[in-house]
Amino acid sequence: MNPTSKSDLQISTPTDLTLLLTRTFNAPRHLVWEAMFTPEKMRRWMLPPPGFTMTTCECDARQGGLLKIQWKSAEADPAMTLNGVFTEVVPLERAVHTEEFALPSGQVVSTQVEAHEFFEKNGVTQMRITQTFETKAARDEGLGAGEGMEAGYRKLDELLAS
């Protein structure tokens, strides 16, 4: 890979319970970090599911800080939610948080731990996310999120370029 070019999201399954997502951004690490964990910036690139709008975006990237994102649609009341707690944060390098995703019905469909790592070389940042699920079936369902995540990361590319 050319270190000065961005790449699309790469997803692998290193174990039966984990997904490894890797993405490169043509921006310094501090800008990628800020975009990933600052609510005002998250709202600009984190795309909602089709037919939904993001109604809540809270992110306190410090140990013990909360993550809360909600999406609503005309048909969905209450909202879909993603809630978590940061368990480890080394600014600009690593952030680990729990993540629980629930449907508007309140049914929890995914519980996982997500670890973000950031590496910079010559102004280009590689982000690695390790998602650890409770079951292989949940991990396999997580594979389906790649297309939506990449669409958001392309919006993030635009944000980082501006």
N, C-alpha and C. Protein backbone atom coordinates (compact mmCIF):
# COMPACT_ATOMS: atom_id res chain seq x y z
N MET A 1 0.84 -1.18 0.00
CA MET A 1 0.00 0.00 0.00
C MET A 1 0.89 1.24 0.00
N ASN A 2 0.56 2.18 -0.81
CA ASN A 2 1.25 3.46 -0.84
C ASN A 2 0.90 4.21 0.44
N PRO A 3 1.91 4.62 1.26
CA PRO A 3 1.62 5.24 2.54
C PRO A 3 0.94 6.60 2.43
N THR A 4 0.88 7.18 1.26
CA THR A 4 0.24 8.49 1.13
C THR A 4 -1.15 8.39 0.52
N SER A 5 -1.65 7.19 0.31
CA SER A 5 -2.99 7.07 -0.26
C SER A 5 -3.93 6.44 0.75
N LYS A 6 -5.18 6.85 0.68
CA LYS A 6 -6.17 6.26 1.58
C LYS A 6 -6.61 4.91 1.01
N SER A 7 -7.11 4.09 1.89
CA SER A 7 -7.60 2.79 1.44
C SER A 7 -9.00 2.60 1.98
N ASP A 8 -9.75 1.77 1.34
CA ASP A 8 -11.08 1.44 1.83
C ASP A 8 -10.96 0.57 3.07
N LEU A 9 -12.06 0.46 3.76
CA LEU A 9 -12.11 -0.33 4.99
C LEU A 9 -11.78 -1.79 4.69
N GLN A 10 -10.84 -2.33 5.44
CA GLN A 10 -10.47 -3.74 5.35
C GLN A 10 -11.00 -4.44 6.60
N ILE A 11 -11.66 -5.58 6.42
CA ILE A 11 -12.23 -6.31 7.54
C ILE A 11 -11.71 -7.75 7.52
N SER A 12 -11.25 -8.21 8.67
CA SER A 12 -10.81 -9.60 8.79
C SER A 12 -11.40 -10.20 10.07
N THR A 13 -11.32 -11.52 10.18
CA THR A 13 -11.87 -12.25 11.33
C THR A 13 -10.74 -13.05 11.98
N PRO A 14 -9.92 -12.39 12.80
CA PRO A 14 -8.77 -13.10 13.39
C PRO A 14 -9.15 -14.23 14.34
N THR A 15 -10.32 -14.13 14.98
CA THR A 15 -10.80 -15.22 15.85
C THR A 15 -12.31 -15.36 15.63
N ASP A 16 -12.89 -16.38 16.25
CA ASP A 16 -14.33 -16.61 16.13
C ASP A 16 -15.15 -15.50 16.80
N LEU A 17 -14.52 -14.70 17.66
CA LEU A 17 -15.25 -13.66 18.39
C LEU A 17 -14.84 -12.25 18.01
N THR A 18 -13.87 -12.10 17.10
CA THR A 18 -13.38 -10.74 16.81
C THR A 18 -13.42 -10.40 15.33
N LEU A 19 -13.65 -9.10 15.11
CA LEU A 19 -13.47 -8.48 13.80
C LEU A 19 -12.34 -7.48 13.94
N LEU A 20 -11.49 -7.42 12.92
CA LEU A 20 -10.45 -6.41 12.86
C LEU A 20 -10.74 -5.54 11.65
N LEU A 21 -10.97 -4.26 11.90
CA LEU A 21 -11.27 -3.29 10.84
C LEU A 21 -10.09 -2.34 10.73
N THR A 22 -9.59 -2.15 9.53
CA THR A 22 -8.44 -1.28 9.32
C THR A 22 -8.79 -0.28 8.23
N ARG A 23 -8.46 0.98 8.47
CA ARG A 23 -8.77 2.05 7.51
C ARG A 23 -7.68 3.10 7.61
N THR A 24 -7.23 3.61 6.49
CA THR A 24 -6.21 4.65 6.45
C THR A 24 -6.84 5.96 6.01
N PHE A 25 -6.41 7.05 6.64
CA PHE A 25 -6.90 8.39 6.33
C PHE A 25 -5.73 9.30 6.01
N ASN A 26 -5.88 10.14 5.00
CA ASN A 26 -4.85 11.10 4.62
C ASN A 26 -4.94 12.33 5.51
N ALA A 27 -4.65 12.13 6.79
CA ALA A 27 -4.72 13.22 7.76
C ALA A 27 -3.88 12.84 8.98
N PRO A 28 -3.39 13.84 9.70
CA PRO A 28 -2.64 13.55 10.93
C PRO A 28 -3.53 12.88 11.98
N ARG A 29 -2.89 12.14 12.82
CA ARG A 29 -3.59 11.35 13.85
C ARG A 29 -4.48 12.22 14.73
N HIS A 30 -4.03 13.40 15.12
CA HIS A 30 -4.85 14.21 16.04
C HIS A 30 -6.17 14.62 15.38
N LEU A 31 -6.17 14.84 14.07
CA LEU A 31 -7.43 15.20 13.39
C LEU A 31 -8.36 14.00 13.28
N VAL A 32 -7.81 12.81 13.04
CA VAL A 32 -8.64 11.60 12.98
C VAL A 32 -9.23 11.31 14.35
N TRP A 33 -8.40 11.42 15.38
CA TRP A 33 -8.87 11.20 16.76
C TRP A 33 -10.03 12.14 17.08
N GLU A 34 -9.85 13.43 16.82
CA GLU A 34 -10.90 14.41 17.09
C GLU A 34 -12.19 14.08 16.34
N ALA A 35 -12.07 13.69 15.09
CA ALA A 35 -13.25 13.36 14.30
C ALA A 35 -13.96 12.12 14.83
N MET A 36 -13.21 11.19 15.36
CA MET A 36 -13.80 9.94 15.86
C MET A 36 -14.49 10.11 17.20
N PHE A 37 -14.06 11.09 18.02
CA PHE A 37 -14.54 11.17 19.39
C PHE A 37 -15.10 12.53 19.81
N THR A 38 -15.32 13.44 18.87
CA THR A 38 -15.91 14.74 19.17
C THR A 38 -17.32 14.77 18.59
N PRO A 39 -18.35 14.86 19.42
CA PRO A 39 -19.73 14.76 18.93
C PRO A 39 -20.05 15.67 17.75
N GLU A 40 -19.61 16.92 17.79
CA GLU A 40 -19.89 17.85 16.69
C GLU A 40 -19.35 17.31 15.36
N LYS A 41 -18.18 16.69 15.41
CA LYS A 41 -17.57 16.13 14.19
C LYS A 41 -18.18 14.78 13.84
N MET A 42 -18.50 13.98 14.84
CA MET A 42 -19.12 12.67 14.60
C MET A 42 -20.42 12.83 13.83
N ARG A 43 -21.20 13.85 14.19
CA ARG A 43 -22.48 14.11 13.51
C ARG A 43 -22.29 14.40 12.02
N ARG A 44 -21.12 14.89 11.64
CA ARG A 44 -20.89 15.28 10.25
C ARG A 44 -20.50 14.11 9.36
N TRP A 45 -20.02 13.00 9.94
CA TRP A 45 -19.59 11.88 9.09
C TRP A 45 -20.29 10.56 9.42
N MET A 46 -20.79 10.41 10.63
CA MET A 46 -21.39 9.14 11.05
C MET A 46 -22.81 9.06 10.47
N LEU A 47 -22.96 8.31 9.41
CA LEU A 47 -24.23 8.24 8.70
C LEU A 47 -25.23 7.36 9.43
N PRO A 48 -26.49 7.79 9.52
CA PRO A 48 -27.51 6.95 10.14
C PRO A 48 -27.95 5.86 9.18
N PRO A 49 -28.62 4.83 9.71
CA PRO A 49 -29.19 3.82 8.81
C PRO A 49 -30.21 4.48 7.88
N PRO A 50 -30.47 3.92 6.71
CA PRO A 50 -31.44 4.50 5.78
C PRO A 50 -32.79 4.74 6.46
N GLY A 51 -33.35 5.93 6.25
CA GLY A 51 -34.64 6.28 6.81
C GLY A 51 -34.59 6.83 8.23
N PHE A 52 -33.39 6.93 8.80
CA PHE A 52 -33.22 7.41 10.17
C PHE A 52 -32.43 8.71 10.19
N THR A 53 -32.58 9.46 11.27
CA THR A 53 -31.74 10.64 11.52
C THR A 53 -31.11 10.48 12.90
N MET A 54 -29.91 11.01 13.05
CA MET A 54 -29.24 10.96 14.35
C MET A 54 -29.86 12.05 15.23
N THR A 55 -30.38 11.66 16.38
CA THR A 55 -31.00 12.63 17.28
C THR A 55 -30.16 12.92 18.51
N THR A 56 -29.28 12.01 18.87
CA THR A 56 -28.40 12.19 20.02
C THR A 56 -27.01 11.71 19.66
N CYS A 57 -26.01 12.49 20.03
CA CYS A 57 -24.61 12.08 19.85
C CYS A 57 -23.81 12.65 21.01
N GLU A 58 -23.50 11.78 21.95
CA GLU A 58 -22.70 12.16 23.12
C GLU A 58 -21.50 11.24 23.18
N CYS A 59 -20.34 11.83 23.40
CA CYS A 59 -19.11 11.03 23.46
C CYS A 59 -18.13 11.74 24.38
N ASP A 60 -17.78 11.09 25.47
CA ASP A 60 -16.84 11.61 26.45
C ASP A 60 -15.67 10.64 26.51
N ALA A 61 -14.71 10.83 25.61
CA ALA A 61 -13.61 9.87 25.44
C ALA A 61 -12.56 10.04 26.53
N ARG A 62 -12.93 9.59 27.70
CA ARG A 62 -12.01 9.49 28.84
C ARG A 62 -12.45 8.28 29.64
N GLN A 63 -11.54 7.71 30.44
CA GLN A 63 -11.89 6.51 31.20
C GLN A 63 -13.13 6.80 32.05
N GLY A 64 -14.14 5.94 31.91
CA GLY A 64 -15.40 6.11 32.61
C GLY A 64 -16.39 7.00 31.88
N GLY A 65 -15.96 7.65 30.80
CA GLY A 65 -16.85 8.51 30.02
C GLY A 65 -17.87 7.70 29.23
N LEU A 66 -18.98 8.34 28.90
CA LEU A 66 -20.08 7.64 28.23
C LEU A 66 -20.11 7.91 26.73
N LEU A 67 -20.62 6.95 26.00
CA LEU A 67 -20.91 7.05 24.58
C LEU A 67 -22.39 6.78 24.42
N LYS A 68 -23.11 7.70 23.76
CA LYS A 68 -24.55 7.51 23.55
C LYS A 68 -24.92 8.11 22.20
N ILE A 69 -25.46 7.25 21.33
CA ILE A 69 -25.92 7.69 20.02
C ILE A 69 -27.32 7.13 19.83
N GLN A 70 -28.23 7.97 19.32
CA GLN A 70 -29.59 7.53 19.03
C GLN A 70 -29.97 7.95 17.62
N TRP A 71 -30.74 7.06 16.96
CA TRP A 71 -31.28 7.33 15.64
C TRP A 71 -32.79 7.12 15.68
N LYS A 72 -33.53 8.02 15.04
CA LYS A 72 -34.99 7.88 14.99
C LYS A 72 -35.45 7.91 13.54
N SER A 73 -36.59 7.28 13.33
CA SER A 73 -37.27 7.36 12.05
C SER A 73 -38.72 7.74 12.33
N ALA A 74 -39.48 8.04 11.29
CA ALA A 74 -40.89 8.38 11.46
C ALA A 74 -41.65 7.22 12.09
N GLU A 75 -41.22 5.98 11.81
CA GLU A 75 -41.91 4.80 12.32
C GLU A 75 -41.36 4.32 13.66
N ALA A 76 -40.14 4.72 14.00
CA ALA A 76 -39.47 4.17 15.18
C ALA A 76 -39.55 5.13 16.35
N ASP A 77 -40.34 4.77 17.35
CA ASP A 77 -40.38 5.53 18.58
C ASP A 77 -40.53 4.54 19.71
N PRO A 78 -39.57 4.33 20.55
CA PRO A 78 -38.38 5.13 20.72
C PRO A 78 -37.31 4.86 19.66
N ALA A 79 -36.15 5.45 19.85
CA ALA A 79 -35.07 5.38 18.87
C ALA A 79 -34.26 4.09 18.99
N MET A 80 -33.47 3.82 17.93
CA MET A 80 -32.41 2.82 18.04
C MET A 80 -31.30 3.48 18.84
N THR A 81 -30.61 2.69 19.67
CA THR A 81 -29.59 3.29 20.52
C THR A 81 -28.28 2.50 20.48
N LEU A 82 -27.21 3.23 20.66
CA LEU A 82 -25.89 2.65 20.87
C LEU A 82 -25.37 3.32 22.14
N ASN A 83 -25.13 2.51 23.16
CA ASN A 83 -24.63 3.03 24.44
C ASN A 83 -23.34 2.31 24.79
N GLY A 84 -22.43 3.04 25.44
CA GLY A 84 -21.19 2.42 25.87
C GLY A 84 -20.51 3.23 26.94
N VAL A 85 -19.43 2.64 27.49
CA VAL A 85 -18.60 3.28 28.50
C VAL A 85 -17.14 3.08 28.09
N PHE A 86 -16.35 4.15 28.14
CA PHE A 86 -14.93 4.05 27.85
C PHE A 86 -14.21 3.43 29.05
N THR A 87 -13.47 2.36 28.78
CA THR A 87 -12.76 1.64 29.84
C THR A 87 -11.26 1.92 29.82
N GLU A 88 -10.76 2.43 28.70
CA GLU A 88 -9.34 2.76 28.58
C GLU A 88 -9.20 3.85 27.53
N VAL A 89 -8.44 4.89 27.86
CA VAL A 89 -8.18 5.95 26.88
C VAL A 89 -6.74 6.44 27.05
N VAL A 90 -5.98 6.35 25.98
CA VAL A 90 -4.66 6.97 25.87
C VAL A 90 -4.81 7.95 24.72
N PRO A 91 -4.98 9.25 25.01
CA PRO A 91 -5.30 10.21 23.96
C PRO A 91 -4.38 10.09 22.74
N LEU A 92 -5.01 10.14 21.58
CA LEU A 92 -4.37 10.07 20.26
C LEU A 92 -3.84 8.69 19.90
N GLU A 93 -3.86 7.74 20.83
CA GLU A 93 -3.28 6.42 20.56
C GLU A 93 -4.30 5.28 20.62
N ARG A 94 -5.10 5.25 21.70
CA ARG A 94 -5.95 4.07 21.94
C ARG A 94 -7.16 4.47 22.76
N ALA A 95 -8.31 3.95 22.37
CA ALA A 95 -9.54 4.12 23.15
C ALA A 95 -10.32 2.81 23.10
N VAL A 96 -10.76 2.35 24.26
CA VAL A 96 -11.53 1.11 24.36
C VAL A 96 -12.85 1.44 25.04
N HIS A 97 -13.95 0.95 24.45
CA HIS A 97 -15.25 1.17 25.07
C HIS A 97 -16.15 -0.03 24.84
N THR A 98 -17.10 -0.17 25.75
CA THR A 98 -18.15 -1.17 25.56
C THR A 98 -19.15 -0.58 24.58
N GLU A 99 -19.95 -1.44 24.01
CA GLU A 99 -20.94 -0.99 23.04
C GLU A 99 -22.14 -1.93 23.09
N GLU A 100 -23.32 -1.34 23.28
CA GLU A 100 -24.56 -2.11 23.27
C GLU A 100 -25.50 -1.44 22.29
N PHE A 101 -25.95 -2.19 21.29
CA PHE A 101 -26.83 -1.66 20.25
C PHE A 101 -28.21 -2.26 20.44
N ALA A 102 -29.23 -1.38 20.53
CA ALA A 102 -30.60 -1.84 20.74
C ALA A 102 -31.52 -1.28 19.67
N LEU A 103 -32.47 -2.11 19.25
CA LEU A 103 -33.49 -1.71 18.27
C LEU A 103 -34.53 -0.81 18.94
N PRO A 104 -35.37 -0.14 18.16
CA PRO A 104 -36.43 0.69 18.76
C PRO A 104 -37.31 -0.08 19.75
N SER A 105 -37.44 -1.38 19.56
CA SER A 105 -38.24 -2.20 20.48
C SER A 105 -37.57 -2.35 21.84
N GLY A 106 -36.28 -1.96 21.91
CA GLY A 106 -35.51 -2.15 23.14
C GLY A 106 -34.70 -3.42 23.13
N GLN A 107 -34.93 -4.28 22.13
CA GLN A 107 -34.18 -5.54 22.03
C GLN A 107 -32.72 -5.24 21.75
N VAL A 108 -31.84 -5.73 22.62
CA VAL A 108 -30.39 -5.58 22.41
C VAL A 108 -29.98 -6.61 21.37
N VAL A 109 -29.39 -6.13 20.28
CA VAL A 109 -29.00 -7.04 19.21
C VAL A 109 -27.50 -7.24 19.11
N SER A 110 -26.74 -6.42 19.83
CA SER A 110 -25.29 -6.55 19.77
C SER A 110 -24.68 -5.97 21.03
N THR A 111 -23.78 -6.74 21.63
CA THR A 111 -22.99 -6.27 22.77
C THR A 111 -21.55 -6.64 22.46
N GLN A 112 -20.68 -5.66 22.54
CA GLN A 112 -19.29 -5.92 22.19
C GLN A 112 -18.38 -4.94 22.90
N VAL A 113 -17.09 -5.21 22.79
CA VAL A 113 -16.05 -4.28 23.23
C VAL A 113 -15.32 -3.85 21.97
N GLU A 114 -15.07 -2.54 21.87
CA GLU A 114 -14.44 -1.99 20.68
C GLU A 114 -13.18 -1.24 21.08
N ALA A 115 -12.05 -1.63 20.50
CA ALA A 115 -10.76 -0.99 20.78
C ALA A 115 -10.28 -0.29 19.51
N HIS A 116 -10.04 1.02 19.61
CA HIS A 116 -9.53 1.82 18.49
C HIS A 116 -8.05 2.09 18.74
N GLU A 117 -7.23 1.90 17.72
CA GLU A 117 -5.81 2.23 17.79
C GLU A 117 -5.46 3.09 16.59
N PHE A 118 -4.59 4.08 16.80
CA PHE A 118 -4.24 5.06 15.77
C PHE A 118 -2.73 5.11 15.61
N PHE A 119 -2.27 5.01 14.36
CA PHE A 119 -0.84 5.03 14.04
C PHE A 119 -0.63 6.03 12.92
N GLU A 120 0.34 6.94 13.10
CA GLU A 120 0.59 7.95 12.07
C GLU A 120 2.00 7.80 11.51
N LYS A 121 2.08 7.98 10.18
CA LYS A 121 3.37 8.02 9.51
C LYS A 121 3.26 9.03 8.38
N ASN A 122 4.13 10.03 8.39
CA ASN A 122 4.18 11.06 7.34
C ASN A 122 2.82 11.73 7.12
N GLY A 123 2.11 12.02 8.20
CA GLY A 123 0.84 12.72 8.09
C GLY A 123 -0.33 11.86 7.65
N VAL A 124 -0.14 10.54 7.55
CA VAL A 124 -1.19 9.60 7.18
C VAL A 124 -1.47 8.73 8.41
N THR A 125 -2.75 8.56 8.72
CA THR A 125 -3.11 7.81 9.93
C THR A 125 -3.82 6.51 9.57
N GLN A 126 -3.32 5.45 10.17
CA GLN A 126 -4.01 4.16 10.08
C GLN A 126 -4.79 3.97 11.38
N MET A 127 -6.06 3.64 11.23
CA MET A 127 -6.90 3.34 12.38
C MET A 127 -7.23 1.86 12.34
N ARG A 128 -7.02 1.19 13.47
CA ARG A 128 -7.40 -0.21 13.60
C ARG A 128 -8.44 -0.32 14.70
N ILE A 129 -9.54 -0.98 14.39
CA ILE A 129 -10.59 -1.21 15.36
C ILE A 129 -10.74 -2.72 15.54
N THR A 130 -10.63 -3.17 16.78
CA THR A 130 -10.87 -4.57 17.10
C THR A 130 -12.20 -4.63 17.84
N GLN A 131 -13.15 -5.34 17.27
CA GLN A 131 -14.46 -5.54 17.90
C GLN A 131 -14.50 -6.96 18.44
N THR A 132 -14.80 -7.09 19.73
CA THR A 132 -14.87 -8.41 20.36
C THR A 132 -16.32 -8.66 20.78
N PHE A 133 -16.91 -9.71 20.21
CA PHE A 133 -18.31 -10.04 20.42
C PHE A 133 -18.45 -11.18 21.42
N GLU A 134 -19.68 -11.38 21.89
CA GLU A 134 -19.94 -12.45 22.86
C GLU A 134 -20.06 -13.82 22.21
N THR A 135 -20.49 -13.86 20.94
CA THR A 135 -20.65 -15.14 20.24
C THR A 135 -20.16 -15.01 18.80
N LYS A 136 -19.89 -16.15 18.19
CA LYS A 136 -19.49 -16.16 16.79
C LYS A 136 -20.64 -15.65 15.91
N ALA A 137 -21.88 -16.01 16.24
CA ALA A 137 -23.03 -15.54 15.46
C ALA A 137 -23.12 -14.01 15.48
N ALA A 138 -22.89 -13.41 16.65
CA ALA A 138 -22.91 -11.94 16.75
C ALA A 138 -21.77 -11.35 15.93
N ARG A 139 -20.60 -11.98 16.00
CA ARG A 139 -19.47 -11.50 15.18
C ARG A 139 -19.82 -11.57 13.70
N ASP A 140 -20.43 -12.66 13.28
CA ASP A 140 -20.80 -12.81 11.88
C ASP A 140 -21.82 -11.75 11.44
N GLU A 141 -22.75 -11.41 12.32
CA GLU A 141 -23.70 -10.33 12.01
C GLU A 141 -22.97 -9.00 11.86
N GLY A 142 -21.94 -8.80 12.67
CA GLY A 142 -21.16 -7.57 12.59
C GLY A 142 -20.48 -7.38 11.25
N LEU A 143 -20.23 -8.48 10.55
CA LEU A 143 -19.61 -8.38 9.22
C LEU A 143 -20.48 -7.57 8.25
N GLY A 144 -21.78 -7.57 8.47
CA GLY A 144 -22.70 -6.87 7.57
C GLY A 144 -22.65 -5.36 7.68
N ALA A 145 -21.98 -4.82 8.69
CA ALA A 145 -21.93 -3.38 8.89
C ALA A 145 -20.85 -2.68 8.07
N GLY A 146 -20.00 -3.44 7.42
CA GLY A 146 -18.85 -2.86 6.71
C GLY A 146 -19.21 -1.83 5.66
N GLU A 147 -20.22 -2.10 4.85
CA GLU A 147 -20.58 -1.17 3.78
C GLU A 147 -21.04 0.18 4.34
N GLY A 148 -21.87 0.14 5.37
CA GLY A 148 -22.32 1.39 5.98
C GLY A 148 -21.19 2.13 6.67
N MET A 149 -20.29 1.39 7.32
CA MET A 149 -19.15 2.03 7.97
C MET A 149 -18.26 2.71 6.93
N GLU A 150 -18.00 2.04 5.81
CA GLU A 150 -17.15 2.63 4.78
C GLU A 150 -17.80 3.88 4.20
N ALA A 151 -19.11 3.89 4.03
CA ALA A 151 -19.79 5.10 3.53
C ALA A 151 -19.55 6.26 4.49
N GLY A 152 -19.63 5.99 5.78
CA GLY A 152 -19.34 7.03 6.78
C GLY A 152 -17.90 7.46 6.73
N TYR A 153 -16.97 6.52 6.57
CA TYR A 153 -15.55 6.87 6.52
C TYR A 153 -15.22 7.69 5.28
N ARG A 154 -15.95 7.48 4.20
CA ARG A 154 -15.74 8.34 3.02
C ARG A 154 -16.18 9.77 3.32
N LYS A 155 -17.27 9.93 4.09
CA LYS A 155 -17.68 11.26 4.54
C LYS A 155 -16.60 11.84 5.46
N LEU A 156 -16.01 10.99 6.28
CA LEU A 156 -14.93 11.43 7.17
C LEU A 156 -13.73 11.90 6.34
N ASP A 157 -13.41 11.19 5.26
CA ASP A 157 -12.34 11.64 4.37
C ASP A 157 -12.60 13.08 3.92
N GLU A 158 -13.85 13.38 3.53
CA GLU A 158 -14.21 14.73 3.09
C GLU A 158 -14.04 15.74 4.21
N LEU A 159 -14.47 15.38 5.42
CA LEU A 159 -14.33 16.27 6.57
C LEU A 159 -12.87 16.55 6.86
N LEU A 160 -12.04 15.51 6.83
CA LEU A 160 -10.62 15.67 7.12
C LEU A 160 -9.92 16.51 6.07
N ALA A 161 -10.40 16.46 4.83
CA ALA A 161 -9.78 17.23 3.74
C ALA A 161 -10.15 18.71 3.81
N SER A 162 -11.24 19.04 4.53
CA SER A 162 -11.69 20.44 4.56
C SER A 162 -11.03 21.23 5.67
